[in-house]
PDB file of N, CA and C in Angstrom:
ATOM      1  N   UNK A   1     226.259 192.821 118.459  1.00  0.00           N
ATOM      2  CA  UNK A   1     227.159 192.963 117.343  1.00  0.00           C
ATOM      3  C   UNK A   1     226.426 193.619 116.180  1.00  0.00           C
ATOM      4  N   UNK A   2     227.082 194.522 115.522  1.00  0.00           N
ATOM      5  CA  UNK A   2     226.485 195.229 114.410  1.00  0.00           C
ATOM      6  C   UNK A   2     226.451 194.342 113.166  1.00  0.00           C
ATOM      7  N   UNK A   3     225.392 194.460 112.387  1.00  0.00           N
ATOM      8  CA  UNK A   3     225.246 193.662 111.169  1.00  0.00           C
ATOM      9  C   UNK A   3     226.239 194.129 110.102  1.00  0.00           C
ATOM     10  N   UNK A   4     226.675 193.195 109.273  1.00  0.00           N
ATOM     11  CA  UNK A   4     227.550 193.551 108.160  1.00  0.00           C
ATOM     12  C   UNK A   4     226.754 194.364 107.148  1.00  0.00           C
ATOM     13  N   UNK A   5     227.430 195.276 106.456  1.00  0.00           N
ATOM     14  CA  UNK A   5     226.750 196.156 105.511  1.00  0.00           C
ATOM     15  C   UNK A   5     226.204 195.364 104.325  1.00  0.00           C
ATOM     16  N   UNK A   6     225.166 195.895 103.727  1.00  0.00           N
ATOM     17  CA  UNK A   6     224.577 195.260 102.548  1.00  0.00           C
ATOM     18  C   UNK A   6     225.584 195.251 101.410  1.00  0.00           C
ATOM     19  N   UNK A   7     226.421 196.287 101.336  1.00  0.00           N
ATOM     20  CA  UNK A   7     227.447 196.358 100.297  1.00  0.00           C
ATOM     21  C   UNK A   7     228.420 195.179 100.406  1.00  0.00           C
ATOM     22  N   UNK A   8     228.904 194.897 101.607  1.00  0.00           N
ATOM     23  CA  UNK A   8     229.814 193.769 101.808  1.00  0.00           C
ATOM     24  C   UNK A   8     229.112 192.454 101.495  1.00  0.00           C
ATOM     25  N   UNK A   9     227.885 192.314 101.956  1.00  0.00           N
ATOM     26  CA  UNK A   9     227.119 191.102 101.691  1.00  0.00           C
ATOM     27  C   UNK A   9     226.967 190.872 100.185  1.00  0.00           C
ATOM     28  N   UNK A  10     226.659 191.939  99.445  1.00  0.00           N
ATOM     29  CA  UNK A  10     226.479 191.814  97.999  1.00  0.00           C
ATOM     30  C   UNK A  10     227.798 191.492  97.308  1.00  0.00           C
ATOM     31  N   UNK A  11     228.909 192.063  97.782  1.00  0.00           N
ATOM     32  CA  UNK A  11     230.226 191.753  97.211  1.00  0.00           C
ATOM     33  C   UNK A  11     230.565 190.279  97.386  1.00  0.00           C
ATOM     34  N   UNK A  12     230.236 189.725  98.542  1.00  0.00           N
ATOM     35  CA  UNK A  12     230.493 188.306  98.795  1.00  0.00           C
ATOM     36  C   UNK A  12     229.695 187.446  97.817  1.00  0.00           C
ATOM     37  N   UNK A  13     228.426 187.755  97.639  1.00  0.00           N
ATOM     38  CA  UNK A  13     227.571 186.998  96.717  1.00  0.00           C
ATOM     39  C   UNK A  13     228.077 187.127  95.284  1.00  0.00           C
ATOM     40  N   UNK A  14     228.370 188.350  94.854  1.00  0.00           N
ATOM     41  CA  UNK A  14     228.845 188.578  93.482  1.00  0.00           C
ATOM     42  C   UNK A  14     230.143 187.834  93.214  1.00  0.00           C
ATOM     43  N   UNK A  15     231.063 187.882  94.158  1.00  0.00           N
ATOM     44  CA  UNK A  15     232.349 187.207  93.989  1.00  0.00           C
ATOM     45  C   UNK A  15     232.151 185.701  93.887  1.00  0.00           C
ATOM     46  N   UNK A  16     231.282 185.154  94.713  1.00  0.00           N
ATOM     47  CA  UNK A  16     231.051 183.706  94.704  1.00  0.00           C
ATOM     48  C   UNK A  16     230.491 183.241  93.357  1.00  0.00           C
ATOM     49  N   UNK A  17     229.548 183.976  92.799  1.00  0.00           N
ATOM     50  CA  UNK A  17     228.907 183.549  91.556  1.00  0.00           C
ATOM     51  C   UNK A  17     229.684 183.937  90.299  1.00  0.00           C
ATOM     52  N   UNK A  18     230.632 184.865  90.398  1.00  0.00           N
ATOM     53  CA  UNK A  18     231.367 185.313  89.211  1.00  0.00           C
ATOM     54  C   UNK A  18     232.793 184.795  89.124  1.00  0.00           C
ATOM     55  N   UNK A  19     233.305 184.177  90.172  1.00  0.00           N
ATOM     56  CA  UNK A  19     234.678 183.672  90.165  1.00  0.00           C
ATOM     57  C   UNK A  19     234.697 182.247  90.698  1.00  0.00           C
ATOM     58  N   UNK A  20     235.606 181.423  90.177  1.00  0.00           N
ATOM     59  CA  UNK A  20     235.714 180.060  90.714  1.00  0.00           C
ATOM     60  C   UNK A  20     236.453 180.079  92.057  1.00  0.00           C
ATOM     61  N   UNK A  21     235.719 180.222  93.150  1.00  0.00           N
ATOM     62  CA  UNK A  21     236.319 180.360  94.477  1.00  0.00           C
ATOM     63  C   UNK A  21     235.482 179.566  95.481  1.00  0.00           C
ATOM     64  N   UNK A  22     236.154 178.942  96.431  1.00  0.00           N
ATOM     65  CA  UNK A  22     235.435 178.162  97.445  1.00  0.00           C
ATOM     66  C   UNK A  22     234.872 179.096  98.517  1.00  0.00           C
ATOM     67  N   UNK A  23     233.952 178.566  99.287  1.00  0.00           N
ATOM     68  CA  UNK A  23     233.365 179.352 100.370  1.00  0.00           C
ATOM     69  C   UNK A  23     234.417 179.692 101.417  1.00  0.00           C
ATOM     70  N   UNK A  24     235.313 178.765 101.692  1.00  0.00           N
ATOM     71  CA  UNK A  24     236.374 179.001 102.676  1.00  0.00           C
ATOM     72  C   UNK A  24     237.309 180.116 102.200  1.00  0.00           C
ATOM     73  N   UNK A  25     237.684 180.096 100.921  1.00  0.00           N
ATOM     74  CA  UNK A  25     238.550 181.144 100.368  1.00  0.00           C
ATOM     75  C   UNK A  25     237.841 182.492 100.398  1.00  0.00           C
ATOM     76  N   UNK A  26     236.555 182.474 100.137  1.00  0.00           N
ATOM     77  CA  UNK A  26     235.758 183.694 100.164  1.00  0.00           C
ATOM     78  C   UNK A  26     235.742 184.300 101.569  1.00  0.00           C
ATOM     79  N   UNK A  27     235.576 183.458 102.578  1.00  0.00           N
ATOM     80  CA  UNK A  27     235.579 183.927 103.968  1.00  0.00           C
ATOM     81  C   UNK A  27     236.925 184.546 104.323  1.00  0.00           C
ATOM     82  N   UNK A  28     238.003 183.903 103.885  1.00  0.00           N
ATOM     83  CA  UNK A  28     239.345 184.426 104.153  1.00  0.00           C
ATOM     84  C   UNK A  28     239.564 185.749 103.434  1.00  0.00           C
ATOM     85  N   UNK A  29     239.135 185.822 102.201  1.00  0.00           N
ATOM     86  CA  UNK A  29     239.332 187.027 101.392  1.00  0.00           C
ATOM     87  C   UNK A  29     238.639 188.248 101.994  1.00  0.00           C
ATOM     88  N   UNK A  30     237.429 188.062 102.514  1.00  0.00           N
ATOM     89  CA  UNK A  30     236.659 189.184 103.059  1.00  0.00           C
ATOM     90  C   UNK A  30     236.760 189.294 104.587  1.00  0.00           C
ATOM     91  N   UNK A  31     237.603 188.458 105.203  1.00  0.00           N
ATOM     92  CA  UNK A  31     237.823 188.491 106.660  1.00  0.00           C
ATOM     93  C   UNK A  31     236.523 188.338 107.449  1.00  0.00           C
ATOM     94  N   UNK A  32     235.736 187.355 107.053  1.00  0.00           N
ATOM     95  CA  UNK A  32     234.496 187.044 107.762  1.00  0.00           C
ATOM     96  C   UNK A  32     234.494 185.554 108.084  1.00  0.00           C
ATOM     97  N   UNK A  33     233.588 185.141 108.927  1.00  0.00           N
ATOM     98  CA  UNK A  33     233.482 183.729 109.297  1.00  0.00           C
ATOM     99  C   UNK A  33     232.886 182.914 108.148  1.00  0.00           C
ATOM    100  N   UNK A  34     233.322 181.676 108.050  1.00  0.00           N
ATOM    101  CA  UNK A  34     232.786 180.766 107.037  1.00  0.00           C
ATOM    102  C   UNK A  34     231.278 180.610 107.208  1.00  0.00           C
ATOM    103  N   UNK A  35     230.822 180.585 108.446  1.00  0.00           N
ATOM    104  CA  UNK A  35     229.386 180.433 108.709  1.00  0.00           C
ATOM    105  C   UNK A  35     228.583 181.605 108.143  1.00  0.00           C
ATOM    106  N   UNK A  36     229.165 182.811 108.134  1.00  0.00           N
ATOM    107  CA  UNK A  36     228.475 183.959 107.547  1.00  0.00           C
ATOM    108  C   UNK A  36     228.321 183.757 106.045  1.00  0.00           C
ATOM    109  N   UNK A  37     229.382 183.317 105.392  1.00  0.00           N
ATOM    110  CA  UNK A  37     229.329 183.078 103.944  1.00  0.00           C
ATOM    111  C   UNK A  37     228.257 182.030 103.637  1.00  0.00           C
ATOM    112  N   UNK A  38     228.241 180.949 104.392  1.00  0.00           N
ATOM    113  CA  UNK A  38     227.253 179.893 104.178  1.00  0.00           C
ATOM    114  C   UNK A  38     225.839 180.413 104.398  1.00  0.00           C
ATOM    115  N   UNK A  39     225.652 181.208 105.447  1.00  0.00           N
ATOM    116  CA  UNK A  39     224.337 181.770 105.753  1.00  0.00           C
ATOM    117  C   UNK A  39     223.875 182.717 104.648  1.00  0.00           C
ATOM    118  N   UNK A  40     224.785 183.563 104.163  1.00  0.00           N
ATOM    119  CA  UNK A  40     224.436 184.503 103.096  1.00  0.00           C
ATOM    120  C   UNK A  40     224.047 183.783 101.815  1.00  0.00           C
ATOM    121  N   UNK A  41     224.816 182.763 101.447  1.00  0.00           N
ATOM    122  CA  UNK A  41     224.517 182.020 100.224  1.00  0.00           C
ATOM    123  C   UNK A  41     223.167 181.314 100.327  1.00  0.00           C
ATOM    124  N   UNK A  42     222.884 180.733 101.480  1.00  0.00           N
ATOM    125  CA  UNK A  42     221.597 180.065 101.680  1.00  0.00           C
ATOM    126  C   UNK A  42     220.454 181.074 101.615  1.00  0.00           C
ATOM    127  N   UNK A  43     220.627 182.203 102.292  1.00  0.00           N
ATOM    128  CA  UNK A  43     219.598 183.246 102.294  1.00  0.00           C
ATOM    129  C   UNK A  43     219.369 183.765 100.884  1.00  0.00           C
ATOM    130  N   UNK A  44     220.441 183.957 100.121  1.00  0.00           N
ATOM    131  CA  UNK A  44     220.320 184.466  98.757  1.00  0.00           C
ATOM    132  C   UNK A  44     219.603 183.452  97.862  1.00  0.00           C
ATOM    133  N   UNK A  45     219.928 182.165  98.014  1.00  0.00           N
ATOM    134  CA  UNK A  45     219.267 181.127  97.208  1.00  0.00           C
ATOM    135  C   UNK A  45     217.770 181.049  97.518  1.00  0.00           C
ATOM    136  N   UNK A  46     217.417 181.188  98.791  1.00  0.00           N
ATOM    137  CA  UNK A  46     216.017 181.051  99.192  1.00  0.00           C
ATOM    138  C   UNK A  46     215.176 182.292  98.912  1.00  0.00           C
ATOM    139  N   UNK A  47     215.753 183.475  99.120  1.00  0.00           N
ATOM    140  CA  UNK A  47     214.959 184.707  99.032  1.00  0.00           C
ATOM    141  C   UNK A  47     215.393 185.661  97.931  1.00  0.00           C
ATOM    142  N   UNK A  48     216.631 185.505  97.428  1.00  0.00           N
ATOM    143  CA  UNK A  48     217.145 186.455  96.446  1.00  0.00           C
ATOM    144  C   UNK A  48     217.532 187.777  97.083  1.00  0.00           C
ATOM    145  N   UNK A  49     217.652 187.787  98.395  1.00  0.00           N
ATOM    146  CA  UNK A  49     217.902 189.008  99.149  1.00  0.00           C
ATOM    147  C   UNK A  49     219.080 188.772 100.099  1.00  0.00           C
ATOM    148  N   UNK A  50     219.912 189.796 100.294  1.00  0.00           N
ATOM    149  CA  UNK A  50     221.046 189.659 101.211  1.00  0.00           C
ATOM    150  C   UNK A  50     220.949 190.595 102.411  1.00  0.00           C
ATOM    151  N   UNK A  51     219.844 191.302 102.541  1.00  0.00           N
ATOM    152  CA  UNK A  51     219.678 192.236 103.662  1.00  0.00           C
ATOM    153  C   UNK A  51     219.607 191.465 104.977  1.00  0.00           C
ATOM    154  N   UNK A  52     220.125 192.049 106.069  1.00  0.00           N
ATOM    155  CA  UNK A  52     220.055 191.360 107.355  1.00  0.00           C
ATOM    156  C   UNK A  52     218.607 191.153 107.795  1.00  0.00           C
ATOM    157  N   UNK A  53     218.362 190.027 108.424  1.00  0.00           N
ATOM    158  CA  UNK A  53     217.024 189.711 108.914  1.00  0.00           C
ATOM    159  C   UNK A  53     216.780 190.455 110.225  1.00  0.00           C
ATOM    160  N   UNK A  54     215.542 190.859 110.487  1.00  0.00           N
ATOM    161  CA  UNK A  54     215.255 191.554 111.748  1.00  0.00           C
ATOM    162  C   UNK A  54     215.438 190.630 112.942  1.00  0.00           C
ATOM    163  N   UNK A  55     215.800 191.225 114.063  1.00  0.00           N
ATOM    164  CA  UNK A  55     215.971 190.469 115.304  1.00  0.00           C
ATOM    165  C   UNK A  55     214.608 189.967 115.757  1.00  0.00           C
ATOM    166  N   UNK A  56     214.527 188.725 116.106  1.00  0.00           N
ATOM    167  CA  UNK A  56     213.238 188.118 116.441  1.00  0.00           C
ATOM    168  C   UNK A  56     212.861 188.257 117.905  1.00  0.00           C
ATOM    169  N   UNK A  57     213.737 188.773 118.720  1.00  0.00           N
ATOM    170  CA  UNK A  57     213.419 188.935 120.132  1.00  0.00           C
ATOM    171  C   UNK A  57     213.763 187.702 120.930  1.00  0.00           C
ATOM    172  N   UNK A  58     213.415 187.714 122.173  1.00  0.00           N
ATOM    173  CA  UNK A  58     213.759 186.610 123.053  1.00  0.00           C
ATOM    174  C   UNK A  58     212.574 185.706 123.337  1.00  0.00           C
ATOM    175  N   UNK A  59     212.729 184.915 124.357  1.00  0.00           N
ATOM    176  CA  UNK A  59     211.685 183.993 124.780  1.00  0.00           C
ATOM    177  C   UNK A  59     210.591 184.787 125.479  1.00  0.00           C
ATOM    178  N   UNK A  60     209.356 184.496 125.139  1.00  0.00           N
ATOM    179  CA  UNK A  60     208.240 185.182 125.780  1.00  0.00           C
ATOM    180  C   UNK A  60     208.046 184.631 127.191  1.00  0.00           C
ATOM    181  N   UNK A  61     207.777 185.529 128.116  1.00  0.00           N
ATOM    182  CA  UNK A  61     207.561 185.130 129.503  1.00  0.00           C
ATOM    183  C   UNK A  61     206.213 184.435 129.652  1.00  0.00           C
ATOM    184  N   UNK A  62     206.184 183.374 130.441  1.00  0.00           N
ATOM    185  CA  UNK A  62     204.931 182.657 130.661  1.00  0.00           C
ATOM    186  C   UNK A  62     204.140 183.262 131.811  1.00  0.00           C
ATOM    187  N   UNK A  63     204.839 183.836 132.780  1.00  0.00           N
ATOM    188  CA  UNK A  63     204.171 184.466 133.910  1.00  0.00           C
ATOM    189  C   UNK A  63     203.944 185.933 133.603  1.00  0.00           C
ATOM    190  N   UNK A  64     202.771 186.412 133.956  1.00  0.00           N
ATOM    191  CA  UNK A  64     202.469 187.819 133.730  1.00  0.00           C
ATOM    192  C   UNK A  64     202.880 188.616 134.953  1.00  0.00           C
ATOM    193  N   UNK A  65     203.465 189.750 134.706  1.00  0.00           N
ATOM    194  CA  UNK A  65     203.881 190.628 135.793  1.00  0.00           C
ATOM    195  C   UNK A  65     202.666 191.407 136.286  1.00  0.00           C
ATOM    196  N   UNK A  66     202.420 191.395 137.609  1.00  0.00           N
ATOM    197  CA  UNK A  66     201.247 192.095 138.145  1.00  0.00           C
ATOM    198  C   UNK A  66     201.647 193.258 139.014  1.00  0.00           C
TER     199      UNK A  66
END
């Protein structure tokens, strides 16, 4: 799945902090999942950044291929 644009992410953050609106209403307004809104707000509070995080990859294999 493609990451949401930084512009949309910033609009969600700006709207939340500038208007009296709940997280659920915000998700409905921007047609995104409530979990995305919660994740963005947490990320913004912790880092001050709304850019998508890099993919961390999968589980490392324990057996070496020979």
